């Protein structure tokens, strides 16, 4: 069924990601969750802040493994 899943790579809670596009390109973080608008996601940054970014700007961090986000 078309349109039921977001395009691009799938992210799971705890995935290490990096902003591959946008003003803060190269900023690392941990994927937290999709927002109600599934084109946006919450990412925990290294300083502990949670910021929202377009999912299309995210990429999995090279060589990263999931981390616990308790």
Protein backbone atom coordinates (compact mmCIF):
# COMPACT_ATOMS: atom_id res chain seq x y z
CA UNK A 1 0.00 0.00 0.00
CA UNK A 2 1.56 3.32 -1.04
CA UNK A 3 1.95 6.21 1.36
CA UNK A 4 1.80 4.25 4.60
CA UNK A 5 5.53 4.36 5.41
CA UNK A 6 7.98 7.24 5.33
CA UNK A 7 10.41 7.34 2.44
CA UNK A 8 14.13 6.92 2.99
CA UNK A 9 16.00 5.02 5.67
CA UNK A 10 14.06 3.94 8.71
CA UNK A 11 15.17 5.19 12.10
CA UNK A 12 14.54 3.51 15.43
CA UNK A 13 14.72 4.94 18.93
CA UNK A 14 18.37 4.96 20.01
CA UNK A 15 19.87 5.09 16.51
CA UNK A 16 22.89 7.36 16.29
CA UNK A 17 22.23 9.91 13.58
CA UNK A 18 23.85 12.94 12.03
CA UNK A 19 22.31 15.94 10.32
CA UNK A 20 23.26 15.34 6.70
CA UNK A 21 21.61 18.58 5.47
CA UNK A 22 20.58 21.96 6.79
CA UNK A 23 22.27 24.74 8.73
CA UNK A 24 23.69 22.43 11.39
CA UNK A 25 25.00 19.82 8.94
CA UNK A 26 27.33 17.34 10.65
CA UNK A 27 25.70 17.66 14.09
CA UNK A 28 25.50 14.22 15.75
CA UNK A 29 22.62 13.03 17.89
CA UNK A 30 20.41 10.13 18.92
CA UNK A 31 17.08 9.52 17.20
CA UNK A 32 14.30 9.76 19.77
CA UNK A 33 10.96 9.56 17.94
CA UNK A 34 8.91 10.77 15.01
CA UNK A 35 6.69 13.77 15.64
CA UNK A 36 2.94 13.73 14.96
CA UNK A 37 3.92 15.05 11.51
CA UNK A 38 6.05 12.05 10.49
CA UNK A 39 8.21 14.26 8.27
CA UNK A 40 9.78 15.59 11.51
CA UNK A 41 11.70 13.81 14.26
CA UNK A 42 13.00 14.58 17.74
CA UNK A 43 16.75 14.10 18.15
CA UNK A 44 18.68 14.23 21.42
CA UNK A 45 21.86 16.20 20.89
CA UNK A 46 25.13 15.67 22.77
CA UNK A 47 24.38 18.43 25.28
CA UNK A 48 21.14 16.64 26.21
CA UNK A 49 18.84 19.07 24.43
CA UNK A 50 16.03 17.67 22.30
CA UNK A 51 15.51 19.34 18.94
CA UNK A 52 13.18 18.67 16.03
CA UNK A 53 14.58 18.21 12.54
CA UNK A 54 13.12 17.16 9.18
CA UNK A 55 13.56 13.38 8.79
CA UNK A 56 14.90 13.92 5.27
CA UNK A 57 17.88 15.79 6.79
CA UNK A 58 18.88 12.81 8.97
CA UNK A 59 21.32 10.03 8.15
CA UNK A 60 22.58 7.12 10.20
CA UNK A 61 25.95 7.95 11.72
CA UNK A 62 28.76 5.95 10.08
CA UNK A 63 29.78 2.91 12.13
CA UNK A 64 27.20 3.69 14.81
CA UNK A 65 25.29 1.20 16.89
CA UNK A 66 22.02 1.87 18.77
CA UNK A 67 22.28 3.30 22.27
CA UNK A 68 19.87 3.16 25.15
CA UNK A 69 17.70 6.28 25.55
CA UNK A 70 16.13 5.59 28.93
